Amino acid sequence: MGQLDRITQQPEVMGGRACIRGMRVTVGMIVGQIGAGHSVEDILADYPYLEREDIMQALRYAAWRAEERESA
């Protein structure tokens, strides 16, 4: 997995869910917006405090988690 320095998880922010740079914007919210048909440009317009790399890292993080396997 590449570097995901913009993805943070803190118990006091959004219940410890993966967020963008400690903000109250979750990876799940970003992925949900993309899944609903919104473009990266749409998301950046709706959330001007986000940067393109925030969205790209959120997608990479979600893809990594989707492929992750638990060892029993």
N, C-alpha and C. Protein backbone atom coordinates (compact mmCIF):
# COMPACT_ATOMS: atom_id res chain seq x y z
N MET A 1 0.85 -1.18 0.00
CA MET A 1 0.00 0.00 0.00
C MET A 1 0.89 1.23 0.00
N GLY A 2 0.53 2.20 -0.81
CA GLY A 2 1.28 3.45 -0.84
C GLY A 2 1.04 4.26 0.41
N GLN A 3 1.73 5.36 0.51
CA GLN A 3 1.60 6.21 1.68
C GLN A 3 0.22 6.85 1.73
N LEU A 4 -0.41 6.77 2.88
CA LEU A 4 -1.74 7.36 3.09
C LEU A 4 -1.66 8.33 4.26
N ASP A 5 -0.86 9.36 4.10
CA ASP A 5 -0.62 10.29 5.20
C ASP A 5 -1.78 11.26 5.44
N ARG A 6 -2.77 11.26 4.59
CA ARG A 6 -3.93 12.13 4.77
C ARG A 6 -5.09 11.41 5.45
N ILE A 7 -4.97 10.11 5.64
CA ILE A 7 -6.03 9.33 6.28
C ILE A 7 -5.69 9.19 7.75
N THR A 8 -6.59 9.66 8.60
CA THR A 8 -6.36 9.63 10.04
C THR A 8 -7.49 8.88 10.73
N GLN A 9 -7.16 8.31 11.87
CA GLN A 9 -8.16 7.65 12.70
C GLN A 9 -7.89 8.05 14.15
N GLN A 10 -8.83 8.78 14.73
CA GLN A 10 -8.72 9.25 16.10
C GLN A 10 -10.03 8.93 16.80
N PRO A 11 -9.97 8.32 17.98
CA PRO A 11 -11.20 7.96 18.68
C PRO A 11 -12.16 9.13 18.89
N GLU A 12 -11.63 10.32 19.07
CA GLU A 12 -12.48 11.48 19.36
C GLU A 12 -13.05 12.16 18.11
N VAL A 13 -12.66 11.69 16.92
CA VAL A 13 -13.16 12.27 15.68
C VAL A 13 -13.96 11.20 14.94
N MET A 14 -15.25 11.42 14.81
CA MET A 14 -16.15 10.52 14.08
C MET A 14 -16.06 9.08 14.59
N GLY A 15 -15.89 8.94 15.88
CA GLY A 15 -15.87 7.61 16.49
C GLY A 15 -14.72 6.73 16.06
N GLY A 16 -13.64 7.32 15.59
CA GLY A 16 -12.47 6.56 15.19
C GLY A 16 -12.50 6.06 13.76
N ARG A 17 -13.53 6.44 13.01
CA ARG A 17 -13.59 6.03 11.61
C ARG A 17 -12.48 6.75 10.82
N ALA A 18 -12.09 6.16 9.70
CA ALA A 18 -11.06 6.75 8.85
C ALA A 18 -11.57 8.08 8.29
N CYS A 19 -10.80 9.13 8.54
CA CYS A 19 -11.18 10.48 8.12
C CYS A 19 -10.07 11.11 7.28
N ILE A 20 -10.41 12.22 6.68
CA ILE A 20 -9.45 12.99 5.90
C ILE A 20 -8.81 14.04 6.80
N ARG A 21 -7.51 13.94 6.98
CA ARG A 21 -6.70 14.92 7.73
C ARG A 21 -7.32 15.36 9.05
N GLY A 22 -7.91 14.45 9.78
CA GLY A 22 -8.46 14.76 11.09
C GLY A 22 -9.76 15.55 11.06
N MET A 23 -10.29 15.79 9.87
CA MET A 23 -11.55 16.51 9.75
C MET A 23 -12.72 15.56 9.92
N ARG A 24 -13.89 16.09 10.00
CA ARG A 24 -15.10 15.28 10.15
C ARG A 24 -15.64 14.85 8.79
N VAL A 25 -14.74 14.50 7.91
CA VAL A 25 -15.08 13.99 6.58
C VAL A 25 -14.50 12.58 6.51
N THR A 26 -15.38 11.59 6.41
CA THR A 26 -14.92 10.20 6.44
C THR A 26 -14.60 9.68 5.04
N VAL A 27 -13.76 8.66 5.04
CA VAL A 27 -13.46 7.96 3.79
C VAL A 27 -14.76 7.42 3.20
N GLY A 28 -15.62 6.88 4.05
CA GLY A 28 -16.90 6.35 3.59
C GLY A 28 -17.75 7.39 2.89
N MET A 29 -17.73 8.62 3.38
CA MET A 29 -18.49 9.69 2.75
C MET A 29 -17.96 9.98 1.35
N ILE A 30 -16.64 10.01 1.22
CA ILE A 30 -16.03 10.26 -0.09
C ILE A 30 -16.39 9.13 -1.06
N VAL A 31 -16.20 7.89 -0.62
CA VAL A 31 -16.51 6.74 -1.48
C VAL A 31 -17.99 6.73 -1.84
N GLY A 32 -18.85 7.06 -0.89
CA GLY A 32 -20.28 7.12 -1.16
C GLY A 32 -20.62 8.16 -2.21
N GLN A 33 -19.96 9.29 -2.15
CA GLN A 33 -20.20 10.35 -3.15
C GLN A 33 -19.79 9.89 -4.54
N ILE A 34 -18.63 9.24 -4.64
CA ILE A 34 -18.17 8.72 -5.93
C ILE A 34 -19.15 7.65 -6.43
N GLY A 35 -19.56 6.76 -5.53
CA GLY A 35 -20.50 5.69 -5.89
C GLY A 35 -21.85 6.22 -6.35
N ALA A 36 -22.22 7.39 -5.84
CA ALA A 36 -23.50 7.99 -6.22
C ALA A 36 -23.40 8.75 -7.55
N GLY A 37 -22.21 8.73 -8.15
CA GLY A 37 -22.06 9.36 -9.46
C GLY A 37 -21.45 10.74 -9.45
N HIS A 38 -21.05 11.23 -8.29
CA HIS A 38 -20.43 12.55 -8.22
C HIS A 38 -18.98 12.45 -8.67
N SER A 39 -18.53 13.44 -9.39
CA SER A 39 -17.14 13.45 -9.85
C SER A 39 -16.25 14.03 -8.76
N VAL A 40 -14.96 13.85 -8.93
CA VAL A 40 -14.00 14.45 -8.01
C VAL A 40 -14.20 15.96 -7.99
N GLU A 41 -14.43 16.54 -9.15
CA GLU A 41 -14.64 17.99 -9.24
C GLU A 41 -15.89 18.41 -8.46
N ASP A 42 -16.95 17.60 -8.54
CA ASP A 42 -18.17 17.89 -7.78
C ASP A 42 -17.88 17.92 -6.28
N ILE A 43 -17.14 16.92 -5.82
CA ILE A 43 -16.83 16.82 -4.39
C ILE A 43 -15.97 18.01 -3.95
N LEU A 44 -14.99 18.36 -4.77
CA LEU A 44 -14.13 19.50 -4.43
C LEU A 44 -14.93 20.80 -4.40
N ALA A 45 -15.92 20.93 -5.25
CA ALA A 45 -16.76 22.13 -5.25
C ALA A 45 -17.65 22.16 -4.01
N ASP A 46 -18.17 20.99 -3.61
CA ASP A 46 -19.05 20.92 -2.44
C ASP A 46 -18.29 21.04 -1.12
N TYR A 47 -17.04 20.63 -1.12
CA TYR A 47 -16.20 20.64 0.09
C TYR A 47 -14.90 21.36 -0.25
N PRO A 48 -14.92 22.69 -0.31
CA PRO A 48 -13.75 23.44 -0.79
C PRO A 48 -12.50 23.29 0.08
N TYR A 49 -12.65 22.77 1.29
CA TYR A 49 -11.49 22.57 2.17
C TYR A 49 -10.79 21.24 1.88
N LEU A 50 -11.35 20.43 0.98
CA LEU A 50 -10.68 19.20 0.56
C LEU A 50 -9.79 19.48 -0.64
N GLU A 51 -8.79 18.63 -0.80
CA GLU A 51 -7.90 18.70 -1.95
C GLU A 51 -8.02 17.42 -2.75
N ARG A 52 -7.66 17.49 -4.01
CA ARG A 52 -7.75 16.33 -4.89
C ARG A 52 -7.04 15.12 -4.27
N GLU A 53 -5.87 15.31 -3.70
CA GLU A 53 -5.11 14.20 -3.11
C GLU A 53 -5.86 13.58 -1.94
N ASP A 54 -6.66 14.37 -1.21
CA ASP A 54 -7.49 13.81 -0.13
C ASP A 54 -8.42 12.75 -0.70
N ILE A 55 -9.05 13.05 -1.81
CA ILE A 55 -10.01 12.14 -2.42
C ILE A 55 -9.30 10.92 -2.98
N MET A 56 -8.16 11.12 -3.63
CA MET A 56 -7.41 10.00 -4.19
C MET A 56 -6.95 9.05 -3.08
N GLN A 57 -6.47 9.61 -1.97
CA GLN A 57 -6.05 8.74 -0.87
C GLN A 57 -7.23 8.03 -0.22
N ALA A 58 -8.36 8.68 -0.14
CA ALA A 58 -9.56 8.03 0.41
C ALA A 58 -9.93 6.82 -0.45
N LEU A 59 -9.87 6.97 -1.75
CA LEU A 59 -10.20 5.87 -2.65
C LEU A 59 -9.16 4.75 -2.54
N ARG A 60 -7.88 5.10 -2.45
CA ARG A 60 -6.85 4.07 -2.28
C ARG A 60 -7.01 3.34 -0.96
N TYR A 61 -7.34 4.07 0.09
CA TYR A 61 -7.55 3.45 1.40
C TYR A 61 -8.74 2.49 1.35
N ALA A 62 -9.83 2.91 0.74
CA ALA A 62 -11.01 2.06 0.64
C ALA A 62 -10.71 0.81 -0.17
N ALA A 63 -9.96 0.94 -1.25
CA ALA A 63 -9.60 -0.22 -2.07
C ALA A 63 -8.72 -1.18 -1.26
N TRP A 64 -7.78 -0.64 -0.52
CA TRP A 64 -6.91 -1.47 0.32
C TRP A 64 -7.73 -2.22 1.36
N ARG A 65 -8.65 -1.53 2.02
CA ARG A 65 -9.48 -2.18 3.04
C ARG A 65 -10.38 -3.24 2.42
N ALA A 66 -10.85 -3.01 1.22
CA ALA A 66 -11.71 -3.99 0.55
C ALA A 66 -10.95 -5.27 0.22
N GLU A 67 -9.66 -5.16 -0.01
CA GLU A 67 -8.83 -6.31 -0.36
C GLU A 67 -8.18 -6.97 0.85
N GLU A 68 -8.26 -6.31 1.98
CA GLU A 68 -7.62 -6.80 3.20
C GLU A 68 -8.25 -8.12 3.63
N ARG A 69 -7.42 -9.04 4.07
CA ARG A 69 -7.92 -10.33 4.55
C ARG A 69 -7.48 -10.52 5.99
N GLU A 70 -8.36 -11.07 6.77
CA GLU A 70 -8.03 -11.34 8.17
C GLU A 70 -7.40 -12.71 8.29
N SER A 71 -6.39 -12.80 9.13
CA SER A 71 -5.78 -14.10 9.42
C SER A 71 -6.44 -14.68 10.65
N ALA A 72 -6.82 -15.93 10.56
CA ALA A 72 -7.48 -16.57 11.71
C ALA A 72 -6.49 -17.36 12.52
